[in-house]
Amino acid sequence: MTAAQKLKLVVNYVNLSTLAGFLIALIGRAKLSRGPRGLYYANGYRLGFPVAGAFTVGNVLLTKNDRAYLDARPVLVRHEERHSWQYFCLIGLPMLPLYVVAVAWSWARTGCPASRNPFERLAGLKDGNYTEHPPQPFGRTLQQTFSRKR
């Protein structure tokens, strides 16, 4: 682990984001293990929210999949590691409401929660297995959303 990664590990403990990640893993009945570069893996996460193949809170990378899934996807792990740096930069838990606002903004602009989400863009859309969608009129976003739910 580099000095910067050690600093991020310590700061994300102090800002409570990693502890929040551990709590979410506990509630989701995930199995914790050490990952690379100061990350922790929480595999077998059982809650259906958020709807994502993997997500990160502090230095904790949570997924419903097993460890082999993450070990086989180093690009995805790097994407999630970038999110752990975002917690570091935003002093921890303020990341969560800011991320929700970013999801809403992206959805309103494109009909996709990631395409115009600055957190996902900075972490690398492609690395997170996201497809970029172009901006569209808000009326079209509403129409697509409600036509999907029928």
C-alpha atoms as a PDB file:
ATOM      1  CA  MET A   1       0.000   0.000   0.000  1.00  0.00           C
ATOM      2  CA  THR A   2       1.307   3.452  -0.859  1.00  0.00           C
ATOM      3  CA  ALA A   3       1.527   6.270   1.666  1.00  0.00           C
ATOM      4  CA  ALA A   4      -1.438   7.991  -0.010  1.00  0.00           C
ATOM      5  CA  GLN A   5      -3.537   4.813   0.226  1.00  0.00           C
ATOM      6  CA  LYS A   6      -2.625   4.458   3.923  1.00  0.00           C
ATOM      7  CA  LEU A   7      -3.633   8.091   4.487  1.00  0.00           C
ATOM      8  CA  LYS A   8      -6.969   7.492   2.724  1.00  0.00           C
ATOM      9  CA  LEU A   9      -7.549   4.392   4.839  1.00  0.00           C
ATOM     10  CA  VAL A  10      -6.999   6.339   8.071  1.00  0.00           C
ATOM     11  CA  VAL A  11      -8.982   9.414   6.990  1.00  0.00           C
ATOM     12  CA  ASN A  12     -11.944   7.316   5.816  1.00  0.00           C
ATOM     13  CA  TYR A  13     -12.005   5.668   9.272  1.00  0.00           C
ATOM     14  CA  VAL A  14     -11.871   9.056  11.008  1.00  0.00           C
ATOM     15  CA  ASN A  15     -14.571  10.593   8.766  1.00  0.00           C
ATOM     16  CA  LEU A  16     -16.774   7.561   9.612  1.00  0.00           C
ATOM     17  CA  SER A  17     -17.395   6.535   5.999  1.00  0.00           C
ATOM     18  CA  THR A  18     -15.556   3.211   6.306  1.00  0.00           C
ATOM     19  CA  LEU A  19     -17.340   2.481   9.579  1.00  0.00           C
ATOM     20  CA  ALA A  20     -20.644   3.214   7.795  1.00  0.00           C
ATOM     21  CA  GLY A  21     -19.550   0.775   5.085  1.00  0.00           C
ATOM     22  CA  PHE A  22     -18.917  -1.898   7.732  1.00  0.00           C
ATOM     23  CA  LEU A  23     -22.356  -1.245   9.249  1.00  0.00           C
ATOM     24  CA  ILE A  24     -24.036  -1.551   5.835  1.00  0.00           C
ATOM     25  CA  ALA A  25     -22.114  -4.800   5.235  1.00  0.00           C
ATOM     26  CA  LEU A  26     -23.290  -6.116   8.608  1.00  0.00           C
ATOM     27  CA  ILE A  27     -26.932  -5.204   7.901  1.00  0.00           C
ATOM     28  CA  GLY A  28     -26.621  -6.772   4.434  1.00  0.00           C
ATOM     29  CA  ARG A  29     -25.064  -9.929   5.953  1.00  0.00           C
ATOM     30  CA  ALA A  30     -21.981  -9.668   3.773  1.00  0.00           C
ATOM     31  CA  LYS A  31     -18.715 -11.473   4.449  1.00  0.00           C
ATOM     32  CA  LEU A  32     -15.815  -9.060   5.016  1.00  0.00           C
ATOM     33  CA  SER A  33     -12.261  -9.607   3.854  1.00  0.00           C
ATOM     34  CA  ARG A  34      -9.234  -7.475   3.015  1.00  0.00           C
ATOM     35  CA  GLY A  35      -8.975  -6.296  -0.555  1.00  0.00           C
ATOM     36  CA  PRO A  36      -6.156  -4.539  -2.395  1.00  0.00           C
ATOM     37  CA  ARG A  37      -4.844  -1.025  -1.724  1.00  0.00           C
ATOM     38  CA  GLY A  38      -6.569  -0.514   1.620  1.00  0.00           C
ATOM     39  CA  LEU A  39      -9.996  -1.647   0.465  1.00  0.00           C
ATOM     40  CA  TYR A  40     -12.234  -4.105   2.246  1.00  0.00           C
ATOM     41  CA  TYR A  41     -14.482  -6.465   0.313  1.00  0.00           C
ATOM     42  CA  ALA A  42     -17.998  -7.175   1.559  1.00  0.00           C
ATOM     43  CA  ASN A  43     -19.139 -10.139  -0.530  1.00  0.00           C
ATOM     44  CA  GLY A  44     -22.555 -11.745  -0.514  1.00  0.00           C
ATOM     45  CA  TYR A  45     -24.392  -8.480   0.265  1.00  0.00           C
ATOM     46  CA  ARG A  46     -28.063  -9.503   0.453  1.00  0.00           C
ATOM     47  CA  LEU A  47     -30.086  -6.285   0.357  1.00  0.00           C
ATOM     48  CA  GLY A  48     -31.592  -5.216  -2.965  1.00  0.00           C
ATOM     49  CA  PHE A  49     -30.626  -1.564  -2.509  1.00  0.00           C
ATOM     50  CA  PRO A  50     -28.825   0.043  -4.117  1.00  0.00           C
ATOM     51  CA  VAL A  51     -29.357  -1.638  -7.446  1.00  0.00           C
ATOM     52  CA  ALA A  52     -25.729  -2.071  -8.505  1.00  0.00           C
ATOM     53  CA  GLY A  53     -23.286  -4.869  -9.183  1.00  0.00           C
ATOM     54  CA  ALA A  54     -20.946  -3.236  -6.686  1.00  0.00           C
ATOM     55  CA  PHE A  55     -20.866  -0.044  -4.660  1.00  0.00           C
ATOM     56  CA  THR A  56     -18.483   1.558  -2.226  1.00  0.00           C
ATOM     57  CA  VAL A  57     -18.942   3.271   1.129  1.00  0.00           C
ATOM     58  CA  GLY A  58     -15.687   4.610   2.531  1.00  0.00           C
ATOM     59  CA  ASN A  59     -13.084   1.931   1.892  1.00  0.00           C
ATOM     60  CA  VAL A  60     -15.670  -0.877   1.831  1.00  0.00           C
ATOM     61  CA  LEU A  61     -16.576  -2.332  -1.568  1.00  0.00           C
ATOM     62  CA  LEU A  62     -19.910  -4.145  -1.305  1.00  0.00           C
ATOM     63  CA  THR A  63     -21.276  -6.658  -3.805  1.00  0.00           C
ATOM     64  CA  LYS A  64     -23.809  -9.474  -3.869  1.00  0.00           C
ATOM     65  CA  ASN A  65     -21.197 -11.558  -5.690  1.00  0.00           C
ATOM     66  CA  ASP A  66     -18.371 -13.646  -4.263  1.00  0.00           C
ATOM     67  CA  ARG A  67     -14.750 -12.584  -3.979  1.00  0.00           C
ATOM     68  CA  ALA A  68     -13.813 -14.354  -7.205  1.00  0.00           C
ATOM     69  CA  TYR A  69     -16.157 -11.963  -9.032  1.00  0.00           C
ATOM     70  CA  LEU A  70     -14.095  -8.966  -7.851  1.00  0.00           C
ATOM     71  CA  ASP A  71     -10.755 -10.725  -8.269  1.00  0.00           C
ATOM     72  CA  ALA A  72     -11.667 -11.332 -11.932  1.00  0.00           C
ATOM     73  CA  ARG A  73     -12.591  -7.641 -12.468  1.00  0.00           C
ATOM     74  CA  PRO A  74      -9.611  -5.453 -11.540  1.00  0.00           C
ATOM     75  CA  VAL A  75     -10.942  -2.588 -13.685  1.00  0.00           C
ATOM     76  CA  LEU A  76     -14.204  -2.545 -11.710  1.00  0.00           C
ATOM     77  CA  VAL A  77     -12.249  -2.642  -8.440  1.00  0.00           C
ATOM     78  CA  ARG A  78     -10.210   0.390  -9.622  1.00  0.00           C
ATOM     79  CA  HIS A  79     -13.495   2.178 -10.435  1.00  0.00           C
ATOM     80  CA  GLU A  80     -14.797   1.467  -6.934  1.00  0.00           C
ATOM     81  CA  GLU A  81     -11.442   2.471  -5.415  1.00  0.00           C
ATOM     82  CA  ARG A  82     -11.854   5.878  -7.089  1.00  0.00           C
ATOM     83  CA  HIS A  83     -15.138   6.217  -5.204  1.00  0.00           C
ATOM     84  CA  SER A  84     -13.240   5.598  -1.950  1.00  0.00           C
ATOM     85  CA  TRP A  85     -11.055   8.597  -2.859  1.00  0.00           C
ATOM     86  CA  GLN A  86     -14.227  10.635  -3.326  1.00  0.00           C
ATOM     87  CA  TYR A  87     -15.211   9.850   0.276  1.00  0.00           C
ATOM     88  CA  PHE A  88     -11.730  10.983   1.311  1.00  0.00           C
ATOM     89  CA  CYS A  89     -12.055  14.264  -0.623  1.00  0.00           C
ATOM     90  CA  LEU A  90     -15.592  15.022   0.574  1.00  0.00           C
ATOM     91  CA  ILE A  91     -14.786  14.339   4.238  1.00  0.00           C
ATOM     92  CA  GLY A  92     -16.794  11.145   4.354  1.00  0.00           C
ATOM     93  CA  LEU A  93     -20.520  10.877   4.717  1.00  0.00           C
ATOM     94  CA  PRO A  94     -21.463  14.119   2.884  1.00  0.00           C
ATOM     95  CA  MET A  95     -20.677  12.008  -0.191  1.00  0.00           C
ATOM     96  CA  LEU A  96     -23.943  10.075   0.236  1.00  0.00           C
ATOM     97  CA  PRO A  97     -26.478  12.938  -0.164  1.00  0.00           C
ATOM     98  CA  LEU A  98     -24.295  14.545  -2.836  1.00  0.00           C
ATOM     99  CA  TYR A  99     -24.271  11.257  -4.728  1.00  0.00           C
ATOM    100  CA  VAL A 100     -28.082  11.065  -4.537  1.00  0.00           C
ATOM    101  CA  VAL A 101     -28.320  14.593  -5.998  1.00  0.00           C
ATOM    102  CA  ALA A 102     -25.889  13.579  -8.758  1.00  0.00           C
ATOM    103  CA  VAL A 103     -28.016  10.508  -9.579  1.00  0.00           C
ATOM    104  CA  ALA A 104     -31.144  12.673  -9.805  1.00  0.00           C
ATOM    105  CA  TRP A 105     -29.366  15.198 -12.032  1.00  0.00           C
ATOM    106  CA  SER A 106     -28.058  12.499 -14.347  1.00  0.00           C
ATOM    107  CA  TRP A 107     -31.452  10.801 -14.564  1.00  0.00           C
ATOM    108  CA  ALA A 108     -33.196  14.112 -15.341  1.00  0.00           C
ATOM    109  CA  ARG A 109     -30.660  14.918 -18.082  1.00  0.00           C
ATOM    110  CA  THR A 110     -30.300  11.470 -19.685  1.00  0.00           C
ATOM    111  CA  GLY A 111     -32.723   8.956 -18.183  1.00  0.00           C
ATOM    112  CA  CYS A 112     -29.671   7.143 -16.772  1.00  0.00           C
ATOM    113  CA  PRO A 113     -28.443   7.507 -13.171  1.00  0.00           C
ATOM    114  CA  ALA A 114     -24.756   7.399 -14.176  1.00  0.00           C
ATOM    115  CA  SER A 115     -24.259   9.150 -17.529  1.00  0.00           C
ATOM    116  CA  ARG A 116     -24.112  12.717 -16.189  1.00  0.00           C
ATOM    117  CA  ASN A 117     -23.322  11.810 -12.593  1.00  0.00           C
ATOM    118  CA  PRO A 118     -20.016  13.575 -11.870  1.00  0.00           C
ATOM    119  CA  PHE A 119     -19.003  10.933  -9.315  1.00  0.00           C
ATOM    120  CA  GLU A 120     -19.416   8.125 -11.836  1.00  0.00           C
ATOM    121  CA  ARG A 121     -17.777  10.128 -14.599  1.00  0.00           C
ATOM    122  CA  LEU A 122     -14.747  10.854 -12.383  1.00  0.00           C
ATOM    123  CA  ALA A 123     -14.542   7.165 -11.405  1.00  0.00           C
ATOM    124  CA  GLY A 124     -14.709   6.187 -15.095  1.00  0.00           C
ATOM    125  CA  LEU A 125     -18.056   5.274 -16.639  1.00  0.00           C
ATOM    126  CA  LYS A 126     -16.648   2.489 -18.789  1.00  0.00           C
ATOM    127  CA  ASP A 127     -14.638   1.053 -15.875  1.00  0.00           C
ATOM    128  CA  GLY A 128     -17.869   0.842 -13.864  1.00  0.00           C
ATOM    129  CA  ASN A 129     -19.629  -0.947 -16.750  1.00  0.00           C
ATOM    130  CA  TYR A 130     -21.845   2.033 -17.528  1.00  0.00           C
ATOM    131  CA  THR A 131     -22.983   3.023 -20.986  1.00  0.00           C
ATOM    132  CA  GLU A 132     -22.974   6.762 -21.626  1.00  0.00           C
ATOM    133  CA  HIS A 133     -26.321   8.168 -22.700  1.00  0.00           C
ATOM    134  CA  PRO A 134     -26.617  11.589 -24.370  1.00  0.00           C
ATOM    135  CA  PRO A 135     -28.622  14.408 -22.805  1.00  0.00           C
ATOM    136  CA  GLN A 136     -32.270  14.469 -23.829  1.00  0.00           C
ATOM    137  CA  PRO A 137     -35.332  16.633 -23.144  1.00  0.00           C
ATOM    138  CA  PHE A 138     -36.781  16.073 -19.663  1.00  0.00           C
ATOM    139  CA  GLY A 139     -40.169  15.207 -21.152  1.00  0.00           C
ATOM    140  CA  ARG A 140     -38.592  12.285 -22.982  1.00  0.00           C
ATOM    141  CA  THR A 141     -36.970  11.081 -19.745  1.00  0.00           C
ATOM    142  CA  LEU A 142     -40.369  11.129 -18.026  1.00  0.00           C
ATOM    143  CA  GLN A 143     -42.007   9.340 -20.933  1.00  0.00           C
ATOM    144  CA  GLN A 144     -39.341   6.597 -20.927  1.00  0.00           C
ATOM    145  CA  THR A 145     -39.570   6.184 -17.163  1.00  0.00           C
ATOM    146  CA  PHE A 146     -43.330   5.786 -17.060  1.00  0.00           C
ATOM    147  CA  SER A 147     -43.554   3.617 -20.181  1.00  0.00           C
ATOM    148  CA  ARG A 148     -41.060   1.153 -18.591  1.00  0.00           C
ATOM    149  CA  LYS A 149     -43.166   0.767 -15.459  1.00  0.00           C
ATOM    150  CA  ARG A 150     -46.321  -0.398 -17.277  1.00  0.00           C
END
